[in-house]
C-alpha atoms as a PDB file:
ATOM      1  CA  MET A   1     103.471  42.962  74.267  1.00  0.00           C
ATOM      2  CA  LYS A   2     104.638  40.855  71.358  1.00  0.00           C
ATOM      3  CA  GLU A   3     107.081  43.472  70.050  1.00  0.00           C
ATOM      4  CA  GLN A   4     108.829  43.829  73.402  1.00  0.00           C
ATOM      5  CA  GLU A   5     109.275  40.073  73.664  1.00  0.00           C
ATOM      6  CA  LEU A   6     110.733  39.912  70.133  1.00  0.00           C
ATOM      7  CA  PHE A   7     113.038  42.832  70.942  1.00  0.00           C
ATOM      8  CA  PHE A   8     114.306  41.162  74.131  1.00  0.00           C
ATOM      9  CA  LYS A   9     114.729  37.839  72.328  1.00  0.00           C
ATOM     10  CA  ASN A  10     116.820  39.546  69.664  1.00  0.00           C
ATOM     11  CA  LEU A  11     118.953  41.253  72.325  1.00  0.00           C
ATOM     12  CA  MET A  12     119.479  37.896  74.036  1.00  0.00           C
ATOM     13  CA  GLU A  13     120.609  36.342  70.740  1.00  0.00           C
ATOM     14  CA  ILE A  14     123.079  39.202  70.219  1.00  0.00           C
ATOM     15  CA  ARG A  15     124.346  38.738  73.783  1.00  0.00           C
ATOM     16  CA  ASN A  16     124.739  34.973  73.385  1.00  0.00           C
ATOM     17  CA  TYR A  17     126.526  35.323  70.043  1.00  0.00           C
ATOM     18  CA  TRP A  18     129.124  37.734  71.433  1.00  0.00           C
ATOM     19  CA  ILE A  19     129.638  35.651  74.579  1.00  0.00           C
ATOM     20  CA  ARG A  20     130.375  32.684  72.313  1.00  0.00           C
ATOM     21  CA  VAL A  21     132.761  34.734  70.146  1.00  0.00           C
ATOM     22  CA  ALA A  22     134.588  36.046  73.221  1.00  0.00           C
ATOM     23  CA  SER A  23     134.941  32.603  74.768  1.00  0.00           C
ATOM     24  CA  GLU A  24     136.270  31.138  71.509  1.00  0.00           C
ATOM     25  CA  ASN A  25     138.930  33.863  71.294  1.00  0.00           C
ATOM     26  CA  SER A  26     139.825  34.159  74.977  1.00  0.00           C
ATOM     27  CA  ASP A  27     143.165  32.380  74.619  1.00  0.00           C
ATOM     28  CA  LYS A  28     144.152  34.226  71.420  1.00  0.00           C
ATOM     29  CA  LYS A  29     143.836  37.869  72.489  1.00  0.00           C
ATOM     30  CA  THR A  30     144.697  40.157  75.369  1.00  0.00           C
ATOM     31  CA  ASN A  31     141.891  41.099  77.754  1.00  0.00           C
ATOM     32  CA  LYS A  32     141.800  44.618  76.288  1.00  0.00           C
ATOM     33  CA  GLU A  33     141.532  43.307  72.716  1.00  0.00           C
ATOM     34  CA  LEU A  34     138.857  40.825  73.729  1.00  0.00           C
ATOM     35  CA  LEU A  35     136.814  43.459  75.559  1.00  0.00           C
ATOM     36  CA  GLU A  36     137.098  45.966  72.700  1.00  0.00           C
ATOM     37  CA  GLU A  37     136.051  43.384  70.114  1.00  0.00           C
ATOM     38  CA  THR A  38     133.152  42.139  72.237  1.00  0.00           C
ATOM     39  CA  VAL A  39     131.793  45.541  73.281  1.00  0.00           C
ATOM     40  CA  ASP A  40     132.152  46.964  69.765  1.00  0.00           C
ATOM     41  CA  GLY A  41     130.471  43.860  68.369  1.00  0.00           C
ATOM     42  CA  VAL A  42     127.521  44.115  70.758  1.00  0.00           C
ATOM     43  CA  VAL A  43     127.028  47.842  70.066  1.00  0.00           C
ATOM     44  CA  HIS A  44     127.330  47.234  66.305  1.00  0.00           C
ATOM     45  CA  SER A  45     124.801  44.382  66.415  1.00  0.00           C
ATOM     46  CA  ILE A  46     122.292  46.467  68.376  1.00  0.00           C
ATOM     47  CA  LEU A  47     122.662  49.382  65.965  1.00  0.00           C
ATOM     48  CA  VAL A  48     122.207  47.026  62.995  1.00  0.00           C
ATOM     49  CA  MET A  49     118.968  45.916  64.664  1.00  0.00           C
ATOM     50  CA  PHE A  50     117.811  49.555  64.868  1.00  0.00           C
ATOM     51  CA  ASP A  51     118.883  50.086  61.253  1.00  0.00           C
ATOM     52  CA  GLY A  52     116.625  47.211  60.151  1.00  0.00           C
ATOM     53  CA  GLY A  53     119.482  44.945  59.141  1.00  0.00           C
ATOM     54  CA  ASP A  54     118.524  41.781  60.995  1.00  0.00           C
ATOM     55  CA  LYS A  55     115.573  39.379  61.267  1.00  0.00           C
ATOM     56  CA  LEU A  56     113.595  41.634  63.609  1.00  0.00           C
ATOM     57  CA  LYS A  57     112.698  43.763  60.571  1.00  0.00           C
ATOM     58  CA  ASP A  58     110.418  40.943  59.436  1.00  0.00           C
ATOM     59  CA  SER A  59     108.184  41.656  62.456  1.00  0.00           C
ATOM     60  CA  PHE A  60     108.497  45.425  62.990  1.00  0.00           C
ATOM     61  CA  SER A  61     110.949  48.306  62.755  1.00  0.00           C
ATOM     62  CA  LEU A  62     112.694  50.224  65.528  1.00  0.00           C
ATOM     63  CA  ASP A  63     113.843  53.800  65.790  1.00  0.00           C
ATOM     64  CA  LEU A  64     115.715  55.951  68.291  1.00  0.00           C
ATOM     65  CA  ILE A  65     113.810  59.154  68.938  1.00  0.00           C
ATOM     66  CA  ASN A  66     114.940  62.318  70.673  1.00  0.00           C
ATOM     67  CA  SER A  67     111.860  62.639  72.873  1.00  0.00           C
ATOM     68  CA  GLU A  68     112.228  66.408  73.307  1.00  0.00           C
ATOM     69  CA  LYS A  69     112.513  67.201  69.604  1.00  0.00           C
ATOM     70  CA  LYS A  70     110.486  64.203  68.385  1.00  0.00           C
ATOM     71  CA  GLU A  71     113.213  63.511  65.788  1.00  0.00           C
ATOM     72  CA  SER A  72     114.854  60.263  64.776  1.00  0.00           C
ATOM     73  CA  LEU A  73     118.544  59.866  65.547  1.00  0.00           C
ATOM     74  CA  LYS A  74     118.818  57.784  62.377  1.00  0.00           C
ATOM     75  CA  ASP A  75     118.063  60.768  60.148  1.00  0.00           C
ATOM     76  CA  GLY A  76     118.309  58.576  57.038  1.00  0.00           C
ATOM     77  CA  LYS A  77     121.743  57.246  58.057  1.00  0.00           C
ATOM     78  CA  ALA A  78     122.959  53.790  59.023  1.00  0.00           C
ATOM     79  CA  LEU A  79     123.693  54.087  62.743  1.00  0.00           C
ATOM     80  CA  HIS A  80     126.062  51.113  62.746  1.00  0.00           C
ATOM     81  CA  GLU A  81     128.225  52.736  60.056  1.00  0.00           C
ATOM     82  CA  GLU A  82     128.116  56.136  61.746  1.00  0.00           C
ATOM     83  CA  TYR A  83     129.172  54.527  65.039  1.00  0.00           C
ATOM     84  CA  PHE A  84     132.351  53.029  63.611  1.00  0.00           C
ATOM     85  CA  SER A  85     133.192  56.277  61.825  1.00  0.00           C
ATOM     86  CA  TYR A  86     132.747  58.063  65.147  1.00  0.00           C
ATOM     87  CA  LEU A  87     135.036  55.574  66.880  1.00  0.00           C
ATOM     88  CA  GLU A  88     137.731  55.998  64.250  1.00  0.00           C
ATOM     89  CA  ASN A  89     137.616  59.787  64.486  1.00  0.00           C
ATOM     90  CA  ASN A  90     137.573  59.919  68.293  1.00  0.00           C
ATOM     91  CA  LYS A  91     140.215  57.420  69.424  1.00  0.00           C
END
């Protein structure tokens, strides 16, 4: 399936980018800071992909669906923005 291959390729690019960022900053930050930045960056990048904010949108669009209700979790919102708001409000 072409879409699955493009999806996995995009995930690999996100992974490789954040590995590079983490390795470049490994001597400048504590382990906790480095892990928080890296994990938050990966989650943000994946949510941007679902929001249609990266190059994958040129091939097809993604959505997160509640399979029981058959409803999108996006609900007209930017998941990557909602995620960081959630983090701020739940620390």
